[in-house]
Amino acid sequence: MTLGDCLPILTALEAQKTLIEITKIIEYQKGSSKNERPTAKNQLEQARKEYQKLNKAILENDTPTLLLNYGCLKNANNRLNQLAFFLNHIEWKDV
């Protein structure tokens, strides 16, 4: 089995979960209730950490980590692009 033979890991449920997380963080940026702010802030920090770990694994060609967490390189690259887009969007909103 090669890296290109794997099935996509991001299911509709995972995609929906990601959208919910993004929505919560955008609500935080707009000034949602104070009770929700720590959760959104933690999710933003988790996204930053995942981006850094994934970027490092791709740069170092850490195939076992990529296969274990993402199934194949294509899924890892897709997730990296999602995180980059999300983090750039949040930074742009902060300005």
N, C-alpha and C. Protein backbone atom coordinates (compact mmCIF):
# COMPACT_ATOMS: atom_id res chain seq x y z
N MET A 1 0.85 -1.19 0.00
CA MET A 1 0.00 0.00 0.00
C MET A 1 0.89 1.24 0.00
N THR A 2 0.61 2.13 -0.90
CA THR A 2 1.38 3.38 -0.97
C THR A 2 0.58 4.50 -0.32
N LEU A 3 1.23 5.62 -0.15
CA LEU A 3 0.54 6.77 0.45
C LEU A 3 -0.63 7.23 -0.39
N GLY A 4 -0.53 7.09 -1.71
CA GLY A 4 -1.60 7.54 -2.59
C GLY A 4 -2.81 6.62 -2.61
N ASP A 5 -2.68 5.39 -2.06
CA ASP A 5 -3.77 4.42 -2.08
C ASP A 5 -4.78 4.59 -0.95
N CYS A 6 -4.51 5.47 -0.01
CA CYS A 6 -5.38 5.56 1.16
C CYS A 6 -6.69 6.26 0.84
N LEU A 7 -7.67 6.02 1.69
CA LEU A 7 -8.97 6.67 1.54
C LEU A 7 -8.97 7.99 2.29
N PRO A 8 -9.76 8.95 1.86
CA PRO A 8 -9.82 10.23 2.59
C PRO A 8 -10.31 10.02 4.02
N ILE A 9 -9.67 10.70 4.93
CA ILE A 9 -10.03 10.55 6.33
C ILE A 9 -11.08 11.57 6.75
N LEU A 10 -11.04 12.75 6.18
CA LEU A 10 -12.00 13.77 6.58
C LEU A 10 -13.40 13.38 6.13
N THR A 11 -14.18 12.93 7.06
CA THR A 11 -15.55 12.56 6.75
C THR A 11 -16.44 13.79 6.85
N ALA A 12 -17.68 13.62 6.47
CA ALA A 12 -18.62 14.73 6.56
C ALA A 12 -18.76 15.19 8.00
N LEU A 13 -18.72 14.24 8.94
CA LEU A 13 -18.85 14.59 10.35
C LEU A 13 -17.66 15.43 10.82
N GLU A 14 -16.45 15.05 10.40
CA GLU A 14 -15.26 15.82 10.77
C GLU A 14 -15.28 17.20 10.13
N ALA A 15 -15.74 17.27 8.90
CA ALA A 15 -15.84 18.56 8.22
C ALA A 15 -16.84 19.46 8.94
N GLN A 16 -17.96 18.87 9.38
CA GLN A 16 -18.96 19.64 10.11
C GLN A 16 -18.39 20.12 11.44
N LYS A 17 -17.63 19.25 12.12
CA LYS A 17 -17.01 19.63 13.39
C LYS A 17 -16.05 20.80 13.19
N THR A 18 -15.28 20.76 12.11
CA THR A 18 -14.36 21.85 11.81
C THR A 18 -15.11 23.15 11.56
N LEU A 19 -16.22 23.07 10.83
CA LEU A 19 -17.02 24.27 10.57
C LEU A 19 -17.59 24.84 11.87
N ILE A 20 -18.02 23.96 12.77
CA ILE A 20 -18.55 24.41 14.06
C ILE A 20 -17.46 25.13 14.85
N GLU A 21 -16.24 24.56 14.84
CA GLU A 21 -15.13 25.20 15.55
C GLU A 21 -14.82 26.57 14.96
N ILE A 22 -14.82 26.66 13.64
CA ILE A 22 -14.56 27.94 12.97
C ILE A 22 -15.63 28.95 13.33
N THR A 23 -16.89 28.51 13.34
CA THR A 23 -18.00 29.40 13.68
C THR A 23 -17.85 29.93 15.10
N LYS A 24 -17.47 29.06 16.03
CA LYS A 24 -17.30 29.49 17.42
C LYS A 24 -16.20 30.55 17.53
N ILE A 25 -15.12 30.34 16.81
CA ILE A 25 -14.02 31.29 16.89
C ILE A 25 -14.39 32.62 16.24
N ILE A 26 -15.13 32.56 15.15
CA ILE A 26 -15.58 33.80 14.52
C ILE A 26 -16.54 34.55 15.45
N GLU A 27 -17.42 33.81 16.14
CA GLU A 27 -18.31 34.44 17.12
C GLU A 27 -17.49 35.10 18.22
N TYR A 28 -16.42 34.44 18.65
CA TYR A 28 -15.54 35.01 19.66
C TYR A 28 -14.96 36.33 19.16
N GLN A 29 -14.52 36.33 17.90
CA GLN A 29 -13.95 37.54 17.33
C GLN A 29 -14.96 38.68 17.28
N LYS A 30 -16.23 38.33 17.09
CA LYS A 30 -17.28 39.35 17.01
C LYS A 30 -17.71 39.84 18.39
N GLY A 31 -17.25 39.16 19.44
CA GLY A 31 -17.61 39.59 20.79
C GLY A 31 -18.76 38.81 21.37
N SER A 32 -18.74 37.49 21.23
CA SER A 32 -19.80 36.66 21.79
C SER A 32 -19.72 36.71 23.32
N SER A 33 -20.62 36.00 23.98
CA SER A 33 -20.70 36.07 25.44
C SER A 33 -19.37 35.67 26.08
N LYS A 34 -19.10 36.21 27.24
CA LYS A 34 -17.83 35.97 27.92
C LYS A 34 -17.65 34.51 28.30
N ASN A 35 -18.74 33.78 28.50
CA ASN A 35 -18.64 32.37 28.86
C ASN A 35 -18.05 31.53 27.74
N GLU A 36 -18.26 31.90 26.49
CA GLU A 36 -17.78 31.12 25.35
C GLU A 36 -16.35 31.50 24.95
N ARG A 37 -15.86 32.61 25.39
CA ARG A 37 -14.56 33.10 24.93
C ARG A 37 -13.38 32.19 25.28
N PRO A 38 -13.27 31.66 26.50
CA PRO A 38 -12.13 30.79 26.77
C PRO A 38 -12.11 29.55 25.87
N THR A 39 -13.27 28.98 25.58
CA THR A 39 -13.33 27.80 24.73
C THR A 39 -12.85 28.14 23.33
N ALA A 40 -13.30 29.23 22.77
CA ALA A 40 -12.89 29.64 21.43
C ALA A 40 -11.39 29.94 21.40
N LYS A 41 -10.91 30.57 22.45
CA LYS A 41 -9.48 30.90 22.51
C LYS A 41 -8.65 29.62 22.57
N ASN A 42 -9.12 28.63 23.34
CA ASN A 42 -8.42 27.35 23.41
C ASN A 42 -8.42 26.64 22.06
N GLN A 43 -9.54 26.70 21.35
CA GLN A 43 -9.62 26.06 20.04
C GLN A 43 -8.68 26.73 19.05
N LEU A 44 -8.55 28.02 19.13
CA LEU A 44 -7.63 28.74 18.26
C LEU A 44 -6.19 28.32 18.55
N GLU A 45 -5.87 28.19 19.82
CA GLU A 45 -4.52 27.75 20.21
C GLU A 45 -4.26 26.32 19.75
N GLN A 46 -5.27 25.45 19.87
CA GLN A 46 -5.13 24.06 19.40
C GLN A 46 -4.88 24.03 17.90
N ALA A 47 -5.57 24.87 17.15
CA ALA A 47 -5.38 24.92 15.70
C ALA A 47 -3.96 25.36 15.37
N ARG A 48 -3.43 26.33 16.11
CA ARG A 48 -2.05 26.78 15.90
C ARG A 48 -1.05 25.66 16.18
N LYS A 49 -1.28 24.93 17.29
CA LYS A 49 -0.37 23.84 17.65
C LYS A 49 -0.43 22.72 16.61
N GLU A 50 -1.64 22.36 16.17
CA GLU A 50 -1.77 21.31 15.16
C GLU A 50 -1.07 21.73 13.87
N TYR A 51 -1.23 22.99 13.48
CA TYR A 51 -0.57 23.50 12.27
C TYR A 51 0.95 23.36 12.39
N GLN A 52 1.50 23.75 13.54
CA GLN A 52 2.94 23.68 13.73
C GLN A 52 3.45 22.24 13.68
N LYS A 53 2.73 21.33 14.37
CA LYS A 53 3.15 19.92 14.39
C LYS A 53 3.05 19.30 13.00
N LEU A 54 1.97 19.57 12.30
CA LEU A 54 1.77 19.01 10.97
C LEU A 54 2.80 19.56 9.99
N ASN A 55 3.05 20.85 10.06
CA ASN A 55 4.05 21.47 9.19
C ASN A 55 5.43 20.86 9.43
N LYS A 56 5.78 20.66 10.69
CA LYS A 56 7.06 20.06 11.04
C LYS A 56 7.15 18.63 10.51
N ALA A 57 6.08 17.85 10.67
CA ALA A 57 6.08 16.46 10.19
C ALA A 57 6.23 16.39 8.68
N ILE A 58 5.59 17.30 7.96
CA ILE A 58 5.71 17.31 6.50
C ILE A 58 7.12 17.72 6.08
N LEU A 59 7.67 18.75 6.71
CA LEU A 59 9.02 19.20 6.36
C LEU A 59 10.08 18.15 6.66
N GLU A 60 9.89 17.39 7.75
CA GLU A 60 10.86 16.36 8.13
C GLU A 60 10.55 15.02 7.47
N ASN A 61 9.50 14.97 6.65
CA ASN A 61 9.09 13.74 5.97
C ASN A 61 8.84 12.62 6.98
N ASP A 62 8.14 12.92 8.06
CA ASP A 62 7.82 11.97 9.12
C ASP A 62 6.61 11.13 8.70
N THR A 63 6.86 10.16 7.82
CA THR A 63 5.79 9.35 7.24
C THR A 63 4.95 8.62 8.29
N PRO A 64 5.55 7.96 9.31
CA PRO A 64 4.70 7.25 10.29
C PRO A 64 3.70 8.16 11.00
N THR A 65 4.13 9.34 11.38
CA THR A 65 3.22 10.28 12.04
C THR A 65 2.11 10.72 11.11
N LEU A 66 2.46 11.02 9.87
CA LEU A 66 1.46 11.47 8.90
C LEU A 66 0.45 10.37 8.61
N LEU A 67 0.93 9.13 8.44
CA LEU A 67 0.02 8.02 8.18
C LEU A 67 -0.88 7.74 9.37
N LEU A 68 -0.32 7.78 10.56
CA LEU A 68 -1.09 7.50 11.77
C LEU A 68 -2.17 8.54 12.00
N ASN A 69 -1.83 9.81 11.84
CA ASN A 69 -2.78 10.87 12.16
C ASN A 69 -3.68 11.28 11.01
N TYR A 70 -3.22 11.12 9.76
CA TYR A 70 -3.98 11.65 8.63
C TYR A 70 -4.27 10.63 7.54
N GLY A 71 -3.65 9.46 7.59
CA GLY A 71 -3.95 8.42 6.62
C GLY A 71 -3.08 8.46 5.38
N CYS A 72 -2.79 9.63 4.86
CA CYS A 72 -1.92 9.76 3.69
C CYS A 72 -1.46 11.20 3.57
N LEU A 73 -0.49 11.40 2.72
CA LEU A 73 0.07 12.73 2.55
C LEU A 73 -0.93 13.72 2.00
N LYS A 74 -1.80 13.27 1.12
CA LYS A 74 -2.81 14.16 0.53
C LYS A 74 -3.72 14.71 1.63
N ASN A 75 -4.17 13.84 2.54
CA ASN A 75 -5.03 14.30 3.64
C ASN A 75 -4.27 15.25 4.56
N ALA A 76 -2.99 14.96 4.80
CA ALA A 76 -2.18 15.83 5.64
C ALA A 76 -2.03 17.21 5.00
N ASN A 77 -1.77 17.24 3.70
CA ASN A 77 -1.66 18.52 3.00
C ASN A 77 -2.98 19.28 3.01
N ASN A 78 -4.09 18.56 2.81
CA ASN A 78 -5.40 19.21 2.85
C ASN A 78 -5.67 19.82 4.22
N ARG A 79 -5.35 19.08 5.28
CA ARG A 79 -5.57 19.58 6.64
C ARG A 79 -4.67 20.79 6.91
N LEU A 80 -3.43 20.73 6.44
CA LEU A 80 -2.51 21.85 6.62
C LEU A 80 -3.06 23.10 5.93
N ASN A 81 -3.59 22.93 4.73
CA ASN A 81 -4.19 24.06 4.01
C ASN A 81 -5.42 24.60 4.72
N GLN A 82 -6.25 23.70 5.28
CA GLN A 82 -7.43 24.15 6.04
C GLN A 82 -7.00 24.98 7.24
N LEU A 83 -6.03 24.48 7.98
CA LEU A 83 -5.56 25.20 9.17
C LEU A 83 -4.93 26.54 8.79
N ALA A 84 -4.15 26.56 7.73
CA ALA A 84 -3.51 27.81 7.30
C ALA A 84 -4.56 28.83 6.90
N PHE A 85 -5.56 28.39 6.14
CA PHE A 85 -6.64 29.30 5.73
C PHE A 85 -7.37 29.84 6.95
N PHE A 86 -7.69 28.95 7.87
CA PHE A 86 -8.42 29.33 9.07
C PHE A 86 -7.62 30.33 9.91
N LEU A 87 -6.36 30.02 10.16
CA LEU A 87 -5.54 30.90 10.99
C LEU A 87 -5.30 32.25 10.31
N ASN A 88 -5.11 32.25 9.00
CA ASN A 88 -4.94 33.52 8.27
C ASN A 88 -6.22 34.33 8.30
N HIS A 89 -7.37 33.66 8.21
CA HIS A 89 -8.65 34.36 8.26
C HIS A 89 -8.83 35.04 9.62
N ILE A 90 -8.51 34.33 10.69
CA ILE A 90 -8.65 34.90 12.04
C ILE A 90 -7.70 36.07 12.21
N GLU A 91 -6.44 35.94 11.75
CA GLU A 91 -5.48 37.05 11.87
C GLU A 91 -5.95 38.26 11.08
N TRP A 92 -6.52 38.03 9.90
CA TRP A 92 -7.02 39.13 9.09
C TRP A 92 -8.16 39.84 9.80
N LYS A 93 -9.04 39.08 10.48
CA LYS A 93 -10.17 39.67 11.19
C LYS A 93 -9.70 40.51 12.37
N ASP A 94 -8.54 40.15 12.96
CA ASP A 94 -8.01 40.88 14.11
C ASP A 94 -7.56 42.28 13.74
N VAL A 95 -7.15 42.48 12.51
CA VAL A 95 -6.59 43.77 12.09
C VAL A 95 -7.61 44.85 12.03
